[in-house]
């Protein structure tokens, strides 16, 4: 019985696709959205999902493995419209 995986995704409203990060721990999943809220552009949505593949409205997913890179990419989302 493994711990369920949680993903944080960031998406620009009214654009197709998103970037996604698979959290390493439950604590990371709790803390990361608050950090991203401070960095995100007004038109960027931050969502926590337990199974991204069932949410077609966010496809295609670009999975980013490195947390620092994910945070940096979220900060860049929506900056160029």
PDB file of N, CA and C in Angstrom:
ATOM      1  N   UNK A   1       0.850  -1.187   0.000  1.00  0.00           N
ATOM      2  CA  UNK A   1       0.000   0.000   0.000  1.00  0.00           C
ATOM      3  C   UNK A   1       0.892   1.245   0.000  1.00  0.00           C
ATOM      4  N   UNK A   2       1.067   1.839  -1.168  1.00  0.00           N
ATOM      5  CA  UNK A   2       1.919   3.009  -1.272  1.00  0.00           C
ATOM      6  C   UNK A   2       1.150   4.288  -1.033  1.00  0.00           C
ATOM      7  N   UNK A   3       1.887   5.327  -0.756  1.00  0.00           N
ATOM      8  CA  UNK A   3       1.274   6.643  -0.562  1.00  0.00           C
ATOM      9  C   UNK A   3       0.814   7.162  -1.915  1.00  0.00           C
ATOM     10  N   UNK A   4      -0.349   7.784  -1.966  1.00  0.00           N
ATOM     11  CA  UNK A   4      -0.846   8.271  -3.251  1.00  0.00           C
ATOM     12  C   UNK A   4      -0.009   9.442  -3.733  1.00  0.00           C
ATOM     13  N   UNK A   5       0.074   9.574  -5.022  1.00  0.00           N
ATOM     14  CA  UNK A   5       0.846  10.650  -5.623  1.00  0.00           C
ATOM     15  C   UNK A   5      -0.038  11.880  -5.789  1.00  0.00           C
ATOM     16  N   UNK A   6       0.547  13.025  -5.537  1.00  0.00           N
ATOM     17  CA  UNK A   6      -0.143  14.295  -5.739  1.00  0.00           C
ATOM     18  C   UNK A   6       0.670  15.129  -6.713  1.00  0.00           C
ATOM     19  N   UNK A   7      -0.026  15.781  -7.603  1.00  0.00           N
ATOM     20  CA  UNK A   7       0.604  16.603  -8.627  1.00  0.00           C
ATOM     21  C   UNK A   7       0.139  18.041  -8.466  1.00  0.00           C
ATOM     22  N   UNK A   8       1.065  18.962  -8.627  1.00  0.00           N
ATOM     23  CA  UNK A   8       0.708  20.380  -8.682  1.00  0.00           C
ATOM     24  C   UNK A   8       0.839  20.776 -10.139  1.00  0.00           C
ATOM     25  N   UNK A   9      -0.209  21.377 -10.666  1.00  0.00           N
ATOM     26  CA  UNK A   9      -0.152  21.813 -12.054  1.00  0.00           C
ATOM     27  C   UNK A   9      -0.368  23.320 -12.113  1.00  0.00           C
ATOM     28  N   UNK A  10       0.199  23.905 -13.158  1.00  0.00           N
ATOM     29  CA  UNK A  10       0.040  25.339 -13.410  1.00  0.00           C
ATOM     30  C   UNK A  10      -0.390  25.500 -14.857  1.00  0.00           C
ATOM     31  N   UNK A  11      -1.418  26.304 -15.065  1.00  0.00           N
ATOM     32  CA  UNK A  11      -1.998  26.459 -16.392  1.00  0.00           C
ATOM     33  C   UNK A  11      -2.416  27.904 -16.603  1.00  0.00           C
ATOM     34  N   UNK A  12      -2.149  28.399 -17.795  1.00  0.00           N
ATOM     35  CA  UNK A  12      -2.632  29.725 -18.166  1.00  0.00           C
ATOM     36  C   UNK A  12      -4.089  29.561 -18.600  1.00  0.00           C
ATOM     37  N   UNK A  13      -4.984  30.337 -17.990  1.00  0.00           N
ATOM     38  CA  UNK A  13      -6.401  30.285 -18.351  1.00  0.00           C
ATOM     39  C   UNK A  13      -6.561  30.459 -19.858  1.00  0.00           C
ATOM     40  N   UNK A  14      -7.511  29.749 -20.441  1.00  0.00           N
ATOM     41  CA  UNK A  14      -7.866  29.861 -21.859  1.00  0.00           C
ATOM     42  C   UNK A  14      -6.741  29.465 -22.814  1.00  0.00           C
ATOM     43  N   UNK A  15      -5.744  28.727 -22.329  1.00  0.00           N
ATOM     44  CA  UNK A  15      -4.707  28.171 -23.196  1.00  0.00           C
ATOM     45  C   UNK A  15      -4.671  26.671 -22.985  1.00  0.00           C
ATOM     46  N   UNK A  16      -4.311  25.955 -24.030  1.00  0.00           N
ATOM     47  CA  UNK A  16      -4.241  24.508 -23.940  1.00  0.00           C
ATOM     48  C   UNK A  16      -2.924  24.091 -23.301  1.00  0.00           C
ATOM     49  N   UNK A  17      -2.976  23.038 -22.474  1.00  0.00           N
ATOM     50  CA  UNK A  17      -1.780  22.479 -21.867  1.00  0.00           C
ATOM     51  C   UNK A  17      -1.427  23.106 -20.537  1.00  0.00           C
ATOM     52  N   UNK A  18      -0.530  22.414 -19.825  1.00  0.00           N
ATOM     53  CA  UNK A  18      -0.087  22.892 -18.522  1.00  0.00           C
ATOM     54  C   UNK A  18       1.275  22.291 -18.208  1.00  0.00           C
ATOM     55  N   UNK A  19       1.874  22.778 -17.134  1.00  0.00           N
ATOM     56  CA  UNK A  19       3.085  22.147 -16.614  1.00  0.00           C
ATOM     57  C   UNK A  19       2.696  21.465 -15.309  1.00  0.00           C
ATOM     58  N   UNK A  20       3.342  20.353 -15.031  1.00  0.00           N
ATOM     59  CA  UNK A  20       2.971  19.550 -13.866  1.00  0.00           C
ATOM     60  C   UNK A  20       4.213  19.071 -13.135  1.00  0.00           C
ATOM     61  N   UNK A  21       4.077  18.944 -11.814  1.00  0.00           N
ATOM     62  CA  UNK A  21       5.153  18.462 -10.957  1.00  0.00           C
ATOM     63  C   UNK A  21       4.573  17.412 -10.019  1.00  0.00           C
ATOM     64  N   UNK A  22       5.211  16.256  -9.956  1.00  0.00           N
ATOM     65  CA  UNK A  22       4.792  15.199  -9.039  1.00  0.00           C
ATOM     66  C   UNK A  22       5.489  15.429  -7.703  1.00  0.00           C
ATOM     67  N   UNK A  23       4.718  15.731  -6.679  1.00  0.00           N
ATOM     68  CA  UNK A  23       5.282  16.029  -5.367  1.00  0.00           C
ATOM     69  C   UNK A  23       5.930  14.790  -4.764  1.00  0.00           C
ATOM     70  N   UNK A  24       7.043  14.993  -4.111  1.00  0.00           N
ATOM     71  CA  UNK A  24       7.792  13.887  -3.498  1.00  0.00           C
ATOM     72  C   UNK A  24       7.203  13.473  -2.152  1.00  0.00           C
ATOM     73  N   UNK A  25       6.557  14.425  -1.450  1.00  0.00           N
ATOM     74  CA  UNK A  25       5.965  14.149  -0.139  1.00  0.00           C
ATOM     75  C   UNK A  25       4.628  14.880  -0.020  1.00  0.00           C
ATOM     76  N   UNK A  26       3.821  14.442   0.930  1.00  0.00           N
ATOM     77  CA  UNK A  26       2.545  15.111   1.182  1.00  0.00           C
ATOM     78  C   UNK A  26       2.778  16.541   1.670  1.00  0.00           C
ATOM     79  N   UNK A  27       3.827  16.750   2.457  1.00  0.00           N
ATOM     80  CA  UNK A  27       4.146  18.083   2.946  1.00  0.00           C
ATOM     81  C   UNK A  27       4.487  19.019   1.786  1.00  0.00           C
ATOM     82  N   UNK A  28       5.222  18.521   0.810  1.00  0.00           N
ATOM     83  CA  UNK A  28       5.552  19.317  -0.367  1.00  0.00           C
ATOM     84  C   UNK A  28       4.269  19.715  -1.102  1.00  0.00           C
ATOM     85  N   UNK A  29       3.320  18.794  -1.210  1.00  0.00           N
ATOM     86  CA  UNK A  29       2.042  19.077  -1.874  1.00  0.00           C
ATOM     87  C   UNK A  29       1.237  20.133  -1.113  1.00  0.00           C
ATOM     88  N   UNK A  30       1.380  20.166   0.205  1.00  0.00           N
ATOM     89  CA  UNK A  30       0.667  21.174   1.010  1.00  0.00           C
ATOM     90  C   UNK A  30       1.318  22.548   0.889  1.00  0.00           C
ATOM     91  N   UNK A  31       2.630  22.602   0.852  1.00  0.00           N
ATOM     92  CA  UNK A  31       3.349  23.881   0.887  1.00  0.00           C
ATOM     93  C   UNK A  31       3.555  24.530  -0.475  1.00  0.00           C
ATOM     94  N   UNK A  32       3.750  23.723  -1.501  1.00  0.00           N
ATOM     95  CA  UNK A  32       4.097  24.255  -2.820  1.00  0.00           C
ATOM     96  C   UNK A  32       3.062  25.221  -3.392  1.00  0.00           C
ATOM     97  N   UNK A  33       1.762  24.930  -3.335  1.00  0.00           N
ATOM     98  CA  UNK A  33       0.800  25.886  -3.906  1.00  0.00           C
ATOM     99  C   UNK A  33       0.881  27.285  -3.304  1.00  0.00           C
ATOM    100  N   UNK A  34       1.138  27.398  -2.017  1.00  0.00           N
ATOM    101  CA  UNK A  34       1.271  28.713  -1.397  1.00  0.00           C
ATOM    102  C   UNK A  34       2.454  29.481  -1.939  1.00  0.00           C
ATOM    103  N   UNK A  35       3.557  28.789  -2.145  1.00  0.00           N
ATOM    104  CA  UNK A  35       4.745  29.411  -2.741  1.00  0.00           C
ATOM    105  C   UNK A  35       4.438  29.887  -4.153  1.00  0.00           C
ATOM    106  N   UNK A  36       3.762  29.042  -4.915  1.00  0.00           N
ATOM    107  CA  UNK A  36       3.453  29.388  -6.302  1.00  0.00           C
ATOM    108  C   UNK A  36       2.475  30.543  -6.405  1.00  0.00           C
ATOM    109  N   UNK A  37       1.545  30.642  -5.460  1.00  0.00           N
ATOM    110  CA  UNK A  37       0.580  31.746  -5.476  1.00  0.00           C
ATOM    111  C   UNK A  37       1.294  33.096  -5.438  1.00  0.00           C
ATOM    112  N   UNK A  38       2.386  33.161  -4.718  1.00  0.00           N
ATOM    113  CA  UNK A  38       3.134  34.421  -4.612  1.00  0.00           C
ATOM    114  C   UNK A  38       3.870  34.765  -5.910  1.00  0.00           C
ATOM    115  N   UNK A  39       4.128  33.757  -6.751  1.00  0.00           N
ATOM    116  CA  UNK A  39       4.914  33.965  -7.965  1.00  0.00           C
ATOM    117  C   UNK A  39       4.088  34.037  -9.241  1.00  0.00           C
ATOM    118  N   UNK A  40       2.905  33.501  -9.220  1.00  0.00           N
ATOM    119  CA  UNK A  40       2.139  33.326 -10.445  1.00  0.00           C
ATOM    120  C   UNK A  40       1.572  34.639 -10.974  1.00  0.00           C
ATOM    121  N   UNK A  41       1.410  34.686 -12.292  1.00  0.00           N
ATOM    122  CA  UNK A  41       0.741  35.818 -12.931  1.00  0.00           C
ATOM    123  C   UNK A  41      -0.758  35.700 -12.660  1.00  0.00           C
ATOM    124  N   UNK A  42      -1.466  36.790 -12.829  1.00  0.00           N
ATOM    125  CA  UNK A  42      -2.891  36.828 -12.522  1.00  0.00           C
ATOM    126  C   UNK A  42      -3.699  35.807 -13.330  1.00  0.00           C
ATOM    127  N   UNK A  43      -3.264  35.507 -14.550  1.00  0.00           N
ATOM    128  CA  UNK A  43      -4.022  34.611 -15.425  1.00  0.00           C
ATOM    129  C   UNK A  43      -3.553  33.147 -15.345  1.00  0.00           C
ATOM    130  N   UNK A  44      -2.824  32.797 -14.301  1.00  0.00           N
ATOM    131  CA  UNK A  44      -2.314  31.433 -14.135  1.00  0.00           C
ATOM    132  C   UNK A  44      -3.062  30.735 -12.996  1.00  0.00           C
ATOM    133  N   UNK A  45      -3.512  29.538 -13.281  1.00  0.00           N
ATOM    134  CA  UNK A  45      -4.255  28.722 -12.321  1.00  0.00           C
ATOM    135  C   UNK A  45      -3.311  27.678 -11.721  1.00  0.00           C
ATOM    136  N   UNK A  46      -3.371  27.498 -10.403  1.00  0.00           N
ATOM    137  CA  UNK A  46      -2.601  26.474  -9.693  1.00  0.00           C
ATOM    138  C   UNK A  46      -3.600  25.465  -9.131  1.00  0.00           C
ATOM    139  N   UNK A  47      -3.391  24.177  -9.422  1.00  0.00           N
ATOM    140  CA  UNK A  47      -4.321  23.134  -9.006  1.00  0.00           C
ATOM    141  C   UNK A  47      -3.532  21.928  -8.500  1.00  0.00           C
ATOM    142  N   UNK A  48      -4.091  21.239  -7.506  1.00  0.00           N
ATOM    143  CA  UNK A  48      -3.518  19.977  -7.029  1.00  0.00           C
ATOM    144  C   UNK A  48      -4.404  18.842  -7.531  1.00  0.00           C
ATOM    145  N   UNK A  49      -3.798  17.858  -8.172  1.00  0.00           N
ATOM    146  CA  UNK A  49      -4.530  16.714  -8.712  1.00  0.00           C
ATOM    147  C   UNK A  49      -3.924  15.417  -8.183  1.00  0.00           C
ATOM    148  N   UNK A  50      -4.766  14.407  -8.013  1.00  0.00           N
ATOM    149  CA  UNK A  50      -4.229  13.114  -7.596  1.00  0.00           C
ATOM    150  C   UNK A  50      -4.019  12.177  -8.784  1.00  0.00           C
ATOM    151  N   UNK A  51      -4.696  12.427  -9.898  1.00  0.00           N
ATOM    152  CA  UNK A  51      -4.528  11.611 -11.095  1.00  0.00           C
ATOM    153  C   UNK A  51      -4.722  12.499 -12.318  1.00  0.00           C
ATOM    154  N   UNK A  52      -3.656  13.129 -12.790  1.00  0.00           N
ATOM    155  CA  UNK A  52      -3.777  14.078 -13.898  1.00  0.00           C
ATOM    156  C   UNK A  52      -4.423  13.506 -15.155  1.00  0.00           C
ATOM    157  N   UNK A  53      -4.233  12.228 -15.403  1.00  0.00           N
ATOM    158  CA  UNK A  53      -4.710  11.641 -16.652  1.00  0.00           C
ATOM    159  C   UNK A  53      -6.230  11.659 -16.790  1.00  0.00           C
ATOM    160  N   UNK A  54      -6.970  11.831 -15.705  1.00  0.00           N
ATOM    161  CA  UNK A  54      -8.429  11.869 -15.814  1.00  0.00           C
ATOM    162  C   UNK A  54      -8.964  13.285 -16.039  1.00  0.00           C
ATOM    163  N   UNK A  55      -8.088  14.268 -16.043  1.00  0.00           N
ATOM    164  CA  UNK A  55      -8.492  15.666 -16.235  1.00  0.00           C
ATOM    165  C   UNK A  55      -8.042  16.143 -17.617  1.00  0.00           C
ATOM    166  N   UNK A  56      -8.833  15.829 -18.626  1.00  0.00           N
ATOM    167  CA  UNK A  56      -8.485  16.149 -20.012  1.00  0.00           C
ATOM    168  C   UNK A  56      -8.395  17.659 -20.262  1.00  0.00           C
ATOM    169  N   UNK A  57      -9.090  18.442 -19.457  1.00  0.00           N
ATOM    170  CA  UNK A  57      -9.092  19.896 -19.689  1.00  0.00           C
ATOM    171  C   UNK A  57      -7.721  20.539 -19.482  1.00  0.00           C
ATOM    172  N   UNK A  58      -6.803  19.833 -18.840  1.00  0.00           N
ATOM    173  CA  UNK A  58      -5.457  20.379 -18.623  1.00  0.00           C
ATOM    174  C   UNK A  58      -4.432  19.842 -19.629  1.00  0.00           C
ATOM    175  N   UNK A  59      -4.808  18.903 -20.473  1.00  0.00           N
ATOM    176  CA  UNK A  59      -3.883  18.283 -21.422  1.00  0.00           C
ATOM    177  C   UNK A  59      -3.458  19.262 -22.502  1.00  0.00           C
ATOM    178  N   UNK A  60      -2.288  19.074 -23.088  1.00  0.00           N
ATOM    179  CA  UNK A  60      -1.283  18.079 -22.718  1.00  0.00           C
ATOM    180  C   UNK A  60      -0.491  18.522 -21.490  1.00  0.00           C
ATOM    181  N   UNK A  61      -0.009  17.555 -20.748  1.00  0.00           N
ATOM    182  CA  UNK A  61       0.796  17.802 -19.551  1.00  0.00           C
ATOM    183  C   UNK A  61       2.270  17.805 -19.917  1.00  0.00           C
ATOM    184  N   UNK A  62       2.999  18.780 -19.429  1.00  0.00           N
ATOM    185  CA  UNK A  62       4.450  18.781 -19.540  1.00  0.00           C
ATOM    186  C   UNK A  62       4.961  18.552 -18.126  1.00  0.00           C
ATOM    187  N   UNK A  63       5.452  17.338 -17.864  1.00  0.00           N
ATOM    188  CA  UNK A  63       5.919  16.989 -16.519  1.00  0.00           C
ATOM    189  C   UNK A  63       7.342  17.492 -16.323  1.00  0.00           C
ATOM    190  N   UNK A  64       7.548  18.193 -15.228  1.00  0.00           N
ATOM    191  CA  UNK A  64       8.863  18.723 -14.882  1.00  0.00           C
ATOM    192  C   UNK A  64       9.306  18.018 -13.605  1.00  0.00           C
ATOM    193  N   UNK A  65      10.456  17.377 -13.663  1.00  0.00           N
ATOM    194  CA  UNK A  65      10.947  16.565 -12.549  1.00  0.00           C
ATOM    195  C   UNK A  65      11.581  17.383 -11.428  1.00  0.00           C
ATOM    196  N   UNK A  66      12.238  18.471 -11.783  1.00  0.00           N
ATOM    197  CA  UNK A  66      13.006  19.260 -10.820  1.00  0.00           C
ATOM    198  C   UNK A  66      12.131  20.362 -10.206  1.00  0.00           C
ATOM    199  N   UNK A  67      12.046  20.388  -8.885  1.00  0.00           N
ATOM    200  CA  UNK A  67      11.193  21.357  -8.196  1.00  0.00           C
ATOM    201  C   UNK A  67      11.608  22.796  -8.499  1.00  0.00           C
ATOM    202  N   UNK A  68      12.891  23.097  -8.455  1.00  0.00           N
ATOM    203  CA  UNK A  68      13.338  24.472  -8.717  1.00  0.00           C
ATOM    204  C   UNK A  68      12.984  24.906 -10.131  1.00  0.00           C
ATOM    205  N   UNK A  69      13.147  24.006 -11.085  1.00  0.00           N
ATOM    206  CA  UNK A  69      12.787  24.332 -12.467  1.00  0.00           C
ATOM    207  C   UNK A  69      11.277  24.564 -12.587  1.00  0.00           C
ATOM    208  N   UNK A  70      10.487  23.732 -11.912  1.00  0.00           N
ATOM    209  CA  UNK A  70       9.032  23.895 -11.949  1.00  0.00           C
ATOM    210  C   UNK A  70       8.634  25.260 -11.396  1.00  0.00           C
ATOM    211  N   UNK A  71       9.169  25.623 -10.258  1.00  0.00           N
ATOM    212  CA  UNK A  71       8.855  26.921  -9.653  1.00  0.00           C
ATOM    213  C   UNK A  71       9.243  28.059 -10.593  1.00  0.00           C
ATOM    214  N   UNK A  72      10.408  27.949 -11.206  1.00  0.00           N
ATOM    215  CA  UNK A  72      10.873  28.973 -12.150  1.00  0.00           C
ATOM    216  C   UNK A  72       9.935  29.077 -13.345  1.00  0.00           C
ATOM    217  N   UNK A  73       9.512  27.930 -13.891  1.00  0.00           N
ATOM    218  CA  UNK A  73       8.614  27.920 -15.040  1.00  0.00           C
ATOM    219  C   UNK A  73       7.247  28.499 -14.691  1.00  0.00           C
ATOM    220  N   UNK A  74       6.755  28.241 -13.490  1.00  0.00           N
ATOM    221  CA  UNK A  74       5.474  28.819 -13.081  1.00  0.00           C
ATOM    222  C   UNK A  74       5.593  30.347 -13.045  1.00  0.00           C
ATOM    223  N   UNK A  75       6.715  30.843 -12.557  1.00  0.00           N
ATOM    224  CA  UNK A  75       6.931  32.282 -12.516  1.00  0.00           C
ATOM    225  C   UNK A  75       6.952  32.912 -13.907  1.00  0.00           C
ATOM    226  N   UNK A  76       7.322  32.139 -14.913  1.00  0.00           N
ATOM    227  CA  UNK A  76       7.380  32.638 -16.290  1.00  0.00           C
ATOM    228  C   UNK A  76       6.037  32.517 -17.007  1.00  0.00           C
ATOM    229  N   UNK A  77       5.159  31.627 -16.538  1.00  0.00           N
ATOM    230  CA  UNK A  77       3.867  31.431 -17.198  1.00  0.00           C
ATOM    231  C   UNK A  77       3.026  32.704 -17.168  1.00  0.00           C
ATOM    232  N   UNK A  78       2.414  33.002 -18.276  1.00  0.00           N
ATOM    233  CA  UNK A  78       1.520  34.142 -18.338  1.00  0.00           C
ATOM    234  C   UNK A  78       2.222  35.470 -18.456  1.00  0.00           C
ATOM    235  N   UNK A  79       3.549  35.474 -18.353  1.00  0.00           N
ATOM    236  CA  UNK A  79       4.303  36.729 -18.438  1.00  0.00           C
ATOM    237  C   UNK A  79       4.275  37.277 -19.864  1.00  0.00           C
ATOM    238  N   UNK A  80       4.257  36.374 -20.850  1.00  0.00           N
ATOM    239  CA  UNK A  80       4.204  36.787 -22.247  1.00  0.00           C
ATOM    240  C   UNK A  80       2.857  36.378 -22.783  1.00  0.00           C
ATOM    241  N   UNK A  81       2.044  37.363 -23.077  1.00  0.00           N
ATOM    242  CA  UNK A  81       0.683  37.061 -23.555  1.00  0.00           C
ATOM    243  C   UNK A  81       0.558  37.300 -25.037  1.00  0.00           C
TER     244      UNK A  81
END
